[in-house]
Amino acid sequence: MRTLVDLGNSQIQALDELSKKEKRSRASLIRQAIDDYLGKRRDKQAGDAFGLWGKRKVDGLAYQEKVRGEW
């Protein structure tokens, strides 16, 4: 599917240079960039599903047993 995207001159120049260096089309580079961006966003959203606990250093089961032991 075709999509129209406005890019600045410096972006076009950088894409053209990279295109020549990697022997790939400009469109291929843009598709890869979009895939990379979407992949990172997907990974971030999946990590968000774990809530605040994901950043804790304590094992969840050990914490649960400790808290229940206080009852």
Protein backbone atom coordinates (compact mmCIF):
# COMPACT_ATOMS: atom_id res chain seq x y z
CA MET A 1 0.00 0.00 0.00
CA ARG A 2 1.31 3.43 -0.81
CA THR A 3 1.40 6.24 1.73
CA LEU A 4 2.39 9.86 1.32
CA VAL A 5 4.83 11.17 3.92
CA ASP A 6 6.48 14.60 3.98
CA LEU A 7 10.20 14.48 4.79
CA GLY A 8 12.68 17.29 5.13
CA ASN A 9 15.60 17.78 2.75
CA SER A 10 18.13 16.62 5.34
CA GLN A 11 16.13 13.43 5.93
CA ILE A 12 16.00 12.72 2.20
CA GLN A 13 19.75 13.32 1.88
CA ALA A 14 20.50 11.03 4.82
CA LEU A 15 18.23 8.33 3.39
CA ASP A 16 19.85 8.61 -0.03
CA GLU A 17 23.34 8.29 1.46
CA LEU A 18 22.32 5.28 3.52
CA SER A 19 20.53 3.81 0.52
CA LYS A 20 23.71 3.94 -1.56
CA LYS A 21 25.85 2.61 1.30
CA GLU A 22 23.58 -0.35 2.03
CA LYS A 23 22.48 -0.89 -1.58
CA ARG A 24 18.83 -0.78 -0.56
CA SER A 25 15.99 1.36 -1.77
CA ARG A 26 14.83 4.39 0.16
CA ALA A 27 11.42 2.74 0.57
CA SER A 28 13.06 -0.36 2.05
CA LEU A 29 14.93 1.76 4.60
CA ILE A 30 11.74 3.58 5.58
CA ARG A 31 9.82 0.31 5.97
CA GLN A 32 12.61 -1.06 8.17
CA ALA A 33 12.62 2.11 10.28
CA ILE A 34 8.87 1.86 10.79
CA ASP A 35 9.13 -1.83 11.70
CA ASP A 36 11.85 -1.02 14.24
CA TYR A 37 9.80 1.82 15.74
CA LEU A 38 6.64 -0.28 16.01
CA GLY A 39 8.59 -3.17 17.51
CA LYS A 40 10.02 -0.94 20.23
CA ARG A 41 6.58 0.47 20.99
CA ARG A 42 5.12 -3.04 21.19
CA ASP A 43 7.88 -4.12 23.58
CA LYS A 44 7.30 -1.05 25.75
CA GLN A 45 3.55 -1.67 25.88
CA ALA A 46 4.10 -5.30 26.81
CA GLY A 47 6.41 -4.20 29.63
CA ASP A 48 3.81 -1.74 30.86
CA ALA A 49 1.42 -4.63 31.46
CA PHE A 50 3.55 -5.70 34.41
CA GLY A 51 2.86 -2.43 36.18
CA LEU A 52 5.13 -0.99 38.82
CA TRP A 53 6.29 -4.38 40.05
CA GLY A 54 8.43 -4.92 36.96
CA LYS A 55 11.11 -2.53 38.27
CA ARG A 56 11.45 -4.11 41.70
CA LYS A 57 14.50 -6.19 42.52
CA VAL A 58 12.64 -8.50 44.93
CA ASP A 59 11.26 -11.79 43.66
CA GLY A 60 7.45 -11.60 43.65
CA LEU A 61 6.93 -14.98 45.28
CA ALA A 62 9.44 -14.25 48.05
CA TYR A 63 7.73 -10.91 48.72
CA GLN A 64 4.31 -12.57 48.82
CA GLU A 65 5.51 -15.20 51.30
CA LYS A 66 7.10 -12.52 53.48
CA VAL A 67 3.94 -10.42 53.58
CA ARG A 68 1.73 -13.43 54.28
CA GLY A 69 4.10 -14.47 57.07
CA GLU A 70 3.33 -11.19 58.81
CA TRP A 71 -0.35 -12.15 59.28
